[in-house]
Amino acid sequence: MNYTNYKQAIQTKTKHVMKQIHQKNKECKNHKYFFFG
């Protein structure tokens, strides 16, 4: 696994985690503020 693949994997994981956090945050009903667009 080279550095680029590793970096992409980290970014994908981060997006997934941020999406989970966003879904769990019941106060955030406005998707305008969703992280990573």
PDB file of N, CA and C in Angstrom:
ATOM      1  N   MET A   1       0.846  -1.192   0.000  1.00  0.00           N
ATOM      2  CA  MET A   1       0.000   0.000   0.000  1.00  0.00           C
ATOM      3  C   MET A   1       0.881   1.241   0.000  1.00  0.00           C
ATOM      4  N   ASN A   2       0.754   2.046  -1.040  1.00  0.00           N
ATOM      5  CA  ASN A   2       1.584   3.244  -1.104  1.00  0.00           C
ATOM      6  C   ASN A   2       0.932   4.409  -0.363  1.00  0.00           C
ATOM      7  N   TYR A   3       1.647   5.498  -0.282  1.00  0.00           N
ATOM      8  CA  TYR A   3       1.203   6.640   0.509  1.00  0.00           C
ATOM      9  C   TYR A   3      -0.114   7.222  -0.002  1.00  0.00           C
ATOM     10  N   THR A   4      -0.268   7.294  -1.335  1.00  0.00           N
ATOM     11  CA  THR A   4      -1.485   7.869  -1.911  1.00  0.00           C
ATOM     12  C   THR A   4      -2.707   7.038  -1.536  1.00  0.00           C
ATOM     13  N   ASN A   5      -2.595   5.721  -1.659  1.00  0.00           N
ATOM     14  CA  ASN A   5      -3.701   4.842  -1.289  1.00  0.00           C
ATOM     15  C   ASN A   5      -4.023   4.979   0.188  1.00  0.00           C
ATOM     16  N   TYR A   6      -2.984   5.075   1.000  1.00  0.00           N
ATOM     17  CA  TYR A   6      -3.164   5.229   2.440  1.00  0.00           C
ATOM     18  C   TYR A   6      -3.911   6.523   2.744  1.00  0.00           C
ATOM     19  N   LYS A   7      -3.492   7.596   2.085  1.00  0.00           N
ATOM     20  CA  LYS A   7      -4.119   8.902   2.286  1.00  0.00           C
ATOM     21  C   LYS A   7      -5.592   8.856   1.873  1.00  0.00           C
ATOM     22  N   GLN A   8      -5.881   8.221   0.750  1.00  0.00           N
ATOM     23  CA  GLN A   8      -7.266   8.105   0.274  1.00  0.00           C
ATOM     24  C   GLN A   8      -8.103   7.288   1.258  1.00  0.00           C
ATOM     25  N   ALA A   9      -7.512   6.232   1.802  1.00  0.00           N
ATOM     26  CA  ALA A   9      -8.228   5.398   2.764  1.00  0.00           C
ATOM     27  C   ALA A   9      -8.573   6.198   4.022  1.00  0.00           C
ATOM     28  N   ILE A  10      -7.636   7.006   4.473  1.00  0.00           N
ATOM     29  CA  ILE A  10      -7.876   7.855   5.649  1.00  0.00           C
ATOM     30  C   ILE A  10      -9.000   8.843   5.361  1.00  0.00           C
ATOM     31  N   GLN A  11      -8.977   9.462   4.182  1.00  0.00           N
ATOM     32  CA  GLN A  11     -10.018  10.430   3.830  1.00  0.00           C
ATOM     33  C   GLN A  11     -11.386   9.762   3.759  1.00  0.00           C
ATOM     34  N   THR A  12     -11.444   8.566   3.177  1.00  0.00           N
ATOM     35  CA  THR A  12     -12.709   7.841   3.070  1.00  0.00           C
ATOM     36  C   THR A  12     -13.239   7.499   4.452  1.00  0.00           C
ATOM     37  N   LYS A  13     -12.345   7.008   5.306  1.00  0.00           N
ATOM     38  CA  LYS A  13     -12.721   6.670   6.679  1.00  0.00           C
ATOM     39  C   LYS A  13     -13.236   7.910   7.410  1.00  0.00           C
ATOM     40  N   THR A  14     -12.549   9.034   7.230  1.00  0.00           N
ATOM     41  CA  THR A  14     -12.943  10.273   7.902  1.00  0.00           C
ATOM     42  C   THR A  14     -14.321  10.710   7.436  1.00  0.00           C
ATOM     43  N   LYS A  15     -14.581  10.643   6.142  1.00  0.00           N
ATOM     44  CA  LYS A  15     -15.899  11.010   5.613  1.00  0.00           C
ATOM     45  C   LYS A  15     -16.973  10.128   6.228  1.00  0.00           C
ATOM     46  N   HIS A  16     -16.686   8.825   6.307  1.00  0.00           N
ATOM     47  CA  HIS A  16     -17.647   7.878   6.848  1.00  0.00           C
ATOM     48  C   HIS A  16     -17.957   8.203   8.308  1.00  0.00           C
ATOM     49  N   VAL A  17     -16.914   8.471   9.079  1.00  0.00           N
ATOM     50  CA  VAL A  17     -17.088   8.794  10.501  1.00  0.00           C
ATOM     51  C   VAL A  17     -17.859  10.101  10.664  1.00  0.00           C
ATOM     52  N   MET A  18     -17.514  11.110   9.859  1.00  0.00           N
ATOM     53  CA  MET A  18     -18.209  12.391   9.962  1.00  0.00           C
ATOM     54  C   MET A  18     -19.677  12.233   9.595  1.00  0.00           C
ATOM     55  N   LYS A  19     -19.959  11.368   8.627  1.00  0.00           N
ATOM     56  CA  LYS A  19     -21.344  11.124   8.230  1.00  0.00           C
ATOM     57  C   LYS A  19     -22.108  10.468   9.379  1.00  0.00           C
ATOM     58  N   GLN A  20     -21.463   9.512  10.051  1.00  0.00           N
ATOM     59  CA  GLN A  20     -22.098   8.859  11.193  1.00  0.00           C
ATOM     60  C   GLN A  20     -22.384   9.862  12.298  1.00  0.00           C
ATOM     61  N   ILE A  21     -21.404  10.725  12.590  1.00  0.00           N
ATOM     62  CA  ILE A  21     -21.578  11.740  13.626  1.00  0.00           C
ATOM     63  C   ILE A  21     -22.729  12.669  13.239  1.00  0.00           C
ATOM     64  N   HIS A  22     -22.776  13.042  11.983  1.00  0.00           N
ATOM     65  CA  HIS A  22     -23.824  13.932  11.489  1.00  0.00           C
ATOM     66  C   HIS A  22     -25.204  13.289  11.664  1.00  0.00           C
ATOM     67  N   GLN A  23     -25.311  12.008  11.336  1.00  0.00           N
ATOM     68  CA  GLN A  23     -26.583  11.311  11.446  1.00  0.00           C
ATOM     69  C   GLN A  23     -27.018  11.184  12.904  1.00  0.00           C
ATOM     70  N   LYS A  24     -26.039  11.055  13.809  1.00  0.00           N
ATOM     71  CA  LYS A  24     -26.365  10.922  15.225  1.00  0.00           C
ATOM     72  C   LYS A  24     -26.744  12.247  15.860  1.00  0.00           C
ATOM     73  N   ASN A  25     -26.340  13.348  15.220  1.00  0.00           N
ATOM     74  CA  ASN A  25     -26.601  14.667  15.788  1.00  0.00           C
ATOM     75  C   ASN A  25     -28.008  15.117  15.412  1.00  0.00           C
ATOM     76  N   LYS A  26     -28.954  14.893  16.304  1.00  0.00           N
ATOM     77  CA  LYS A  26     -30.364  15.171  16.005  1.00  0.00           C
ATOM     78  C   LYS A  26     -30.641  16.670  15.908  1.00  0.00           C
ATOM     79  N   GLU A  27     -29.776  17.495  16.480  1.00  0.00           N
ATOM     80  CA  GLU A  27     -29.993  18.937  16.414  1.00  0.00           C
ATOM     81  C   GLU A  27     -29.677  19.481  15.020  1.00  0.00           C
ATOM     82  N   CYS A  28     -28.835  18.756  14.278  1.00  0.00           N
ATOM     83  CA  CYS A  28     -28.434  19.236  12.955  1.00  0.00           C
ATOM     84  C   CYS A  28     -29.422  18.742  11.916  1.00  0.00           C
ATOM     85  N   LYS A  29     -30.407  19.561  11.624  1.00  0.00           N
ATOM     86  CA  LYS A  29     -31.402  19.178  10.629  1.00  0.00           C
ATOM     87  C   LYS A  29     -31.131  19.863   9.298  1.00  0.00           C
ATOM     88  N   ASN A  30     -30.194  20.815   9.301  1.00  0.00           N
ATOM     89  CA  ASN A  30     -29.909  21.559   8.080  1.00  0.00           C
ATOM     90  C   ASN A  30     -28.637  21.015   7.432  1.00  0.00           C
ATOM     91  N   HIS A  31     -28.799  20.326   6.311  1.00  0.00           N
ATOM     92  CA  HIS A  31     -27.667  19.660   5.670  1.00  0.00           C
ATOM     93  C   HIS A  31     -26.725  20.624   4.968  1.00  0.00           C
ATOM     94  N   LYS A  32     -27.040  21.916   5.021  1.00  0.00           N
ATOM     95  CA  LYS A  32     -26.128  22.911   4.468  1.00  0.00           C
ATOM     96  C   LYS A  32     -24.774  22.833   5.147  1.00  0.00           C
ATOM     97  N   TYR A  33     -24.793  22.464   6.434  1.00  0.00           N
ATOM     98  CA  TYR A  33     -23.559  22.486   7.211  1.00  0.00           C
ATOM     99  C   TYR A  33     -22.885  21.120   7.266  1.00  0.00           C
ATOM    100  N   PHE A  34     -23.292  20.217   6.383  1.00  0.00           N
ATOM    101  CA  PHE A  34     -22.701  18.877   6.379  1.00  0.00           C
ATOM    102  C   PHE A  34     -21.230  18.946   5.988  1.00  0.00           C
ATOM    103  N   PHE A  35     -20.400  18.275   6.772  1.00  0.00           N
ATOM    104  CA  PHE A  35     -18.961  18.301   6.528  1.00  0.00           C
ATOM    105  C   PHE A  35     -18.609  17.603   5.216  1.00  0.00           C
ATOM    106  N   PHE A  36     -17.601  18.070   4.568  1.00  0.00           N
ATOM    107  CA  PHE A  36     -17.075  17.502   3.316  1.00  0.00           C
ATOM    108  C   PHE A  36     -18.089  17.583   2.181  1.00  0.00           C
ATOM    109  N   GLY A  37     -18.980  18.546   2.240  1.00  0.00           N
ATOM    110  CA  GLY A  37     -19.934  18.756   1.155  1.00  0.00           C
ATOM    111  C   GLY A  37     -20.869  17.585   0.983  1.00  0.00           C
TER     112      GLY A  37
END
